[in-house]
Amino acid sequence: MSLDKKDKVLIHALQRNARLSNSALAHMTNLSDTPCLRRVKKLEQEGVIQGYHAALNRKALGLAVLVYAFVRLNENSATAADSFEQHVASLDHVLSCSVISGSYDYLLEVVAHDLEHYEFFLKHRLATHQHVTSVESTIVLKQTFTRRTLPI
């Protein structure tokens, strides 16, 4: 999809504040309300805008530990990958799952209440999957920033 300047203004504004009214968006793009709403709906239908979410403070919710877990599977097959991906998608504490190159197959971003909680998660939820050979965990000591907006 080719985005014009008005589309980019809309996307930029909605990334920063998804609660902006259609009227406010229309004002920012020098459009009337109806054409502005049509543009937003088109961006949603074409999958550019995938949803609207509240940004939450994980520490305020008792999820003080952030871990990057590097996972190696015991076989490199579509069946093993599908099985593993379905498994981790069902685990609420896994925020993201990426297929990576190198000596590991996956990189997971995991949150936990504390180190004991992560240890339990690792031993009883993640490492018990039939295709997991090894997991190497990197504990984040301090996260300096998280960017949730894409450069438009």
C-alpha atoms as a PDB file:
ATOM      1  CA  MET A   1       0.000   0.000   0.000  1.00  0.00           C
ATOM      2  CA  SER A   2       1.238   3.457  -0.839  1.00  0.00           C
ATOM      3  CA  LEU A   3       0.763   5.972   1.956  1.00  0.00           C
ATOM      4  CA  ASP A   4       0.367   9.650   1.189  1.00  0.00           C
ATOM      5  CA  LYS A   5       1.245  12.517   3.516  1.00  0.00           C
ATOM      6  CA  LYS A   6      -2.213  12.613   5.142  1.00  0.00           C
ATOM      7  CA  ASP A   7      -2.122   8.847   5.825  1.00  0.00           C
ATOM      8  CA  LYS A   8       1.279   9.269   7.467  1.00  0.00           C
ATOM      9  CA  VAL A   9      -0.009  12.110   9.649  1.00  0.00           C
ATOM     10  CA  LEU A  10      -2.950   9.930  10.723  1.00  0.00           C
ATOM     11  CA  ILE A  11      -0.732   6.944  11.534  1.00  0.00           C
ATOM     12  CA  HIS A  12       1.793   9.085  13.388  1.00  0.00           C
ATOM     13  CA  ALA A  13      -0.942  10.725  15.485  1.00  0.00           C
ATOM     14  CA  LEU A  14      -2.720   7.453  16.272  1.00  0.00           C
ATOM     15  CA  GLN A  15       0.542   5.769  17.329  1.00  0.00           C
ATOM     16  CA  ARG A  16       1.072   8.502  19.891  1.00  0.00           C
ATOM     17  CA  ASN A  17      -2.557   8.661  21.060  1.00  0.00           C
ATOM     18  CA  ALA A  18      -5.044   6.083  19.789  1.00  0.00           C
ATOM     19  CA  ARG A  19      -7.838   7.837  21.702  1.00  0.00           C
ATOM     20  CA  LEU A  20      -7.816  10.917  19.465  1.00  0.00           C
ATOM     21  CA  SER A  21     -11.277  11.740  18.198  1.00  0.00           C
ATOM     22  CA  ASN A  22     -12.028  11.611  14.502  1.00  0.00           C
ATOM     23  CA  SER A  23     -12.625  15.347  14.673  1.00  0.00           C
ATOM     24  CA  ALA A  24      -9.140  15.956  16.089  1.00  0.00           C
ATOM     25  CA  LEU A  25      -7.597  13.702  13.434  1.00  0.00           C
ATOM     26  CA  ALA A  26      -9.529  15.504  10.712  1.00  0.00           C
ATOM     27  CA  HIS A  27      -8.251  18.852  11.984  1.00  0.00           C
ATOM     28  CA  MET A  28      -4.637  17.594  11.967  1.00  0.00           C
ATOM     29  CA  THR A  29      -4.928  16.438   8.357  1.00  0.00           C
ATOM     30  CA  ASN A  30      -7.014  19.366   7.069  1.00  0.00           C
ATOM     31  CA  LEU A  31      -9.810  16.983   6.131  1.00  0.00           C
ATOM     32  CA  SER A  32     -13.467  17.019   7.036  1.00  0.00           C
ATOM     33  CA  ASP A  33     -14.692  14.331   9.431  1.00  0.00           C
ATOM     34  CA  THR A  34     -16.143  11.889   6.865  1.00  0.00           C
ATOM     35  CA  PRO A  35     -13.109  11.668   4.535  1.00  0.00           C
ATOM     36  CA  CYS A  36     -10.850  11.362   7.578  1.00  0.00           C
ATOM     37  CA  LEU A  37     -12.898   8.489   8.970  1.00  0.00           C
ATOM     38  CA  ARG A  38     -12.843   6.785   5.543  1.00  0.00           C
ATOM     39  CA  ARG A  39      -9.035   6.997   5.490  1.00  0.00           C
ATOM     40  CA  VAL A  40      -8.739   5.489   8.974  1.00  0.00           C
ATOM     41  CA  LYS A  41     -11.150   2.676   8.048  1.00  0.00           C
ATOM     42  CA  LYS A  42      -9.166   1.992   4.860  1.00  0.00           C
ATOM     43  CA  LEU A  43      -5.910   1.843   6.864  1.00  0.00           C
ATOM     44  CA  GLU A  44      -7.589  -0.648   9.217  1.00  0.00           C
ATOM     45  CA  GLN A  45      -8.984  -2.784   6.366  1.00  0.00           C
ATOM     46  CA  GLU A  46      -5.613  -2.921   4.618  1.00  0.00           C
ATOM     47  CA  GLY A  47      -3.909  -4.048   7.820  1.00  0.00           C
ATOM     48  CA  VAL A  48      -1.744  -0.947   8.290  1.00  0.00           C
ATOM     49  CA  ILE A  49      -3.597  -0.274  11.548  1.00  0.00           C
ATOM     50  CA  GLN A  50      -3.912  -3.636  13.295  1.00  0.00           C
ATOM     51  CA  GLY A  51      -5.599  -2.531  16.495  1.00  0.00           C
ATOM     52  CA  TYR A  52      -5.748  -0.059  19.337  1.00  0.00           C
ATOM     53  CA  HIS A  53      -4.131  -0.796  22.690  1.00  0.00           C
ATOM     54  CA  ALA A  54      -3.489   0.748  26.061  1.00  0.00           C
ATOM     55  CA  ALA A  55       0.197   1.060  26.966  1.00  0.00           C
ATOM     56  CA  LEU A  56       0.607  -0.538  30.387  1.00  0.00           C
ATOM     57  CA  ASN A  57       3.389  -0.224  32.937  1.00  0.00           C
ATOM     58  CA  ARG A  58       4.451  -3.838  33.566  1.00  0.00           C
ATOM     59  CA  LYS A  59       6.202  -2.957  36.845  1.00  0.00           C
ATOM     60  CA  ALA A  60       3.076  -1.269  38.193  1.00  0.00           C
ATOM     61  CA  LEU A  61       1.264  -4.534  37.457  1.00  0.00           C
ATOM     62  CA  GLY A  62       3.791  -6.606  39.419  1.00  0.00           C
ATOM     63  CA  LEU A  63       5.748  -7.867  36.402  1.00  0.00           C
ATOM     64  CA  ALA A  64       9.156  -6.580  37.479  1.00  0.00           C
ATOM     65  CA  VAL A  65      11.318  -9.072  35.572  1.00  0.00           C
ATOM     66  CA  LEU A  66      11.933  -8.922  31.828  1.00  0.00           C
ATOM     67  CA  VAL A  67      13.804 -11.808  30.203  1.00  0.00           C
ATOM     68  CA  TYR A  68      15.024 -12.522  26.686  1.00  0.00           C
ATOM     69  CA  ALA A  69      15.030 -16.293  26.260  1.00  0.00           C
ATOM     70  CA  PHE A  70      16.971 -17.873  23.408  1.00  0.00           C
ATOM     71  CA  VAL A  71      15.448 -21.236  22.505  1.00  0.00           C
ATOM     72  CA  ARG A  72      16.922 -24.096  20.488  1.00  0.00           C
ATOM     73  CA  LEU A  73      14.669 -26.852  19.156  1.00  0.00           C
ATOM     74  CA  ASN A  74      15.674 -30.499  18.830  1.00  0.00           C
ATOM     75  CA  GLU A  75      14.756 -30.632  15.156  1.00  0.00           C
ATOM     76  CA  ASN A  76      14.502 -28.158  12.329  1.00  0.00           C
ATOM     77  CA  SER A  77      11.136 -29.108  10.850  1.00  0.00           C
ATOM     78  CA  ALA A  78       7.877 -27.340  10.128  1.00  0.00           C
ATOM     79  CA  THR A  79       6.078 -29.708  12.493  1.00  0.00           C
ATOM     80  CA  ALA A  80       8.383 -28.914  15.416  1.00  0.00           C
ATOM     81  CA  ALA A  81       8.249 -25.186  14.676  1.00  0.00           C
ATOM     82  CA  ASP A  82       4.440 -25.137  14.418  1.00  0.00           C
ATOM     83  CA  SER A  83       4.084 -27.105  17.627  1.00  0.00           C
ATOM     84  CA  PHE A  84       6.487 -24.829  19.511  1.00  0.00           C
ATOM     85  CA  GLU A  85       4.941 -21.624  18.154  1.00  0.00           C
ATOM     86  CA  GLN A  86       1.438 -22.749  19.140  1.00  0.00           C
ATOM     87  CA  HIS A  87       2.708 -23.657  22.586  1.00  0.00           C
ATOM     88  CA  VAL A  88       4.384 -20.307  23.305  1.00  0.00           C
ATOM     89  CA  ALA A  89       1.434 -18.390  21.829  1.00  0.00           C
ATOM     90  CA  SER A  90      -0.673 -19.928  24.607  1.00  0.00           C
ATOM     91  CA  LEU A  91       1.685 -18.680  27.349  1.00  0.00           C
ATOM     92  CA  ASP A  92       0.496 -15.275  28.585  1.00  0.00           C
ATOM     93  CA  HIS A  93       3.905 -14.288  29.950  1.00  0.00           C
ATOM     94  CA  VAL A  94       5.490 -14.479  26.489  1.00  0.00           C
ATOM     95  CA  LEU A  95       5.202 -11.012  24.965  1.00  0.00           C
ATOM     96  CA  SER A  96       6.870 -11.815  21.658  1.00  0.00           C
ATOM     97  CA  CYS A  97       8.278 -14.764  19.770  1.00  0.00           C
ATOM     98  CA  SER A  98      10.707 -14.300  16.876  1.00  0.00           C
ATOM     99  CA  VAL A  99      12.347 -16.820  14.575  1.00  0.00           C
ATOM    100  CA  ILE A 100      16.034 -15.907  14.485  1.00  0.00           C
ATOM    101  CA  SER A 101      19.174 -16.937  12.651  1.00  0.00           C
ATOM    102  CA  GLY A 102      22.313 -18.194  14.340  1.00  0.00           C
ATOM    103  CA  SER A 103      22.803 -20.862  16.959  1.00  0.00           C
ATOM    104  CA  TYR A 104      19.277 -20.488  18.395  1.00  0.00           C
ATOM    105  CA  ASP A 105      15.950 -20.913  16.657  1.00  0.00           C
ATOM    106  CA  TYR A 106      13.763 -18.477  18.611  1.00  0.00           C
ATOM    107  CA  LEU A 107      13.997 -15.356  20.728  1.00  0.00           C
ATOM    108  CA  LEU A 108      11.237 -14.891  23.294  1.00  0.00           C
ATOM    109  CA  GLU A 109      10.479 -11.793  25.316  1.00  0.00           C
ATOM    110  CA  VAL A 110       9.072 -12.941  28.656  1.00  0.00           C
ATOM    111  CA  VAL A 111       7.763 -11.087  31.726  1.00  0.00           C
ATOM    112  CA  ALA A 112       7.595 -12.475  35.240  1.00  0.00           C
ATOM    113  CA  HIS A 113       6.719 -11.281  38.723  1.00  0.00           C
ATOM    114  CA  ASP A 114      10.161 -12.119  40.089  1.00  0.00           C
ATOM    115  CA  LEU A 115      13.065 -14.500  39.447  1.00  0.00           C
ATOM    116  CA  GLU A 116      11.369 -17.398  41.224  1.00  0.00           C
ATOM    117  CA  HIS A 117       8.332 -16.956  39.000  1.00  0.00           C
ATOM    118  CA  TYR A 118      10.523 -16.958  35.885  1.00  0.00           C
ATOM    119  CA  GLU A 119      12.333 -20.090  37.107  1.00  0.00           C
ATOM    120  CA  PHE A 120       8.973 -21.849  37.542  1.00  0.00           C
ATOM    121  CA  PHE A 121       7.851 -20.650  34.094  1.00  0.00           C
ATOM    122  CA  LEU A 122      11.090 -21.878  32.534  1.00  0.00           C
ATOM    123  CA  LYS A 123      11.102 -25.301  34.186  1.00  0.00           C
ATOM    124  CA  HIS A 124       7.375 -26.058  34.072  1.00  0.00           C
ATOM    125  CA  ARG A 125       6.029 -24.219  31.024  1.00  0.00           C
ATOM    126  CA  LEU A 126       8.761 -23.512  28.499  1.00  0.00           C
ATOM    127  CA  ALA A 127      11.522 -26.118  28.771  1.00  0.00           C
ATOM    128  CA  THR A 128       9.053 -28.989  29.126  1.00  0.00           C
ATOM    129  CA  HIS A 129       7.870 -28.662  25.535  1.00  0.00           C
ATOM    130  CA  GLN A 130       8.774 -31.793  23.562  1.00  0.00           C
ATOM    131  CA  HIS A 131      10.821 -29.946  20.928  1.00  0.00           C
ATOM    132  CA  VAL A 132      12.846 -27.660  23.222  1.00  0.00           C
ATOM    133  CA  THR A 133      16.485 -28.730  23.533  1.00  0.00           C
ATOM    134  CA  SER A 134      17.868 -25.732  25.391  1.00  0.00           C
ATOM    135  CA  VAL A 135      16.992 -22.281  26.660  1.00  0.00           C
ATOM    136  CA  GLU A 136      19.470 -19.526  27.430  1.00  0.00           C
ATOM    137  CA  SER A 137      17.983 -16.683  29.455  1.00  0.00           C
ATOM    138  CA  THR A 138      19.213 -13.118  29.583  1.00  0.00           C
ATOM    139  CA  ILE A 139      17.753 -11.082  32.443  1.00  0.00           C
ATOM    140  CA  VAL A 140      17.253  -7.389  31.711  1.00  0.00           C
ATOM    141  CA  LEU A 141      18.813  -5.398  34.545  1.00  0.00           C
ATOM    142  CA  LYS A 142      17.515  -2.032  33.393  1.00  0.00           C
ATOM    143  CA  GLN A 143      15.481  -1.083  30.375  1.00  0.00           C
ATOM    144  CA  THR A 144      16.472   2.422  29.365  1.00  0.00           C
ATOM    145  CA  PHE A 145      13.531   2.915  27.013  1.00  0.00           C
ATOM    146  CA  THR A 146      10.959   1.082  24.953  1.00  0.00           C
ATOM    147  CA  ARG A 147       9.755   2.594  21.712  1.00  0.00           C
ATOM    148  CA  ARG A 148       6.266   1.589  20.735  1.00  0.00           C
ATOM    149  CA  THR A 149       5.999   3.844  17.697  1.00  0.00           C
ATOM    150  CA  LEU A 150       7.342   3.106  14.240  1.00  0.00           C
ATOM    151  CA  PRO A 151       9.263   5.775  12.325  1.00  0.00           C
ATOM    152  CA  ILE A 152       6.829   7.053   9.708  1.00  0.00           C
END
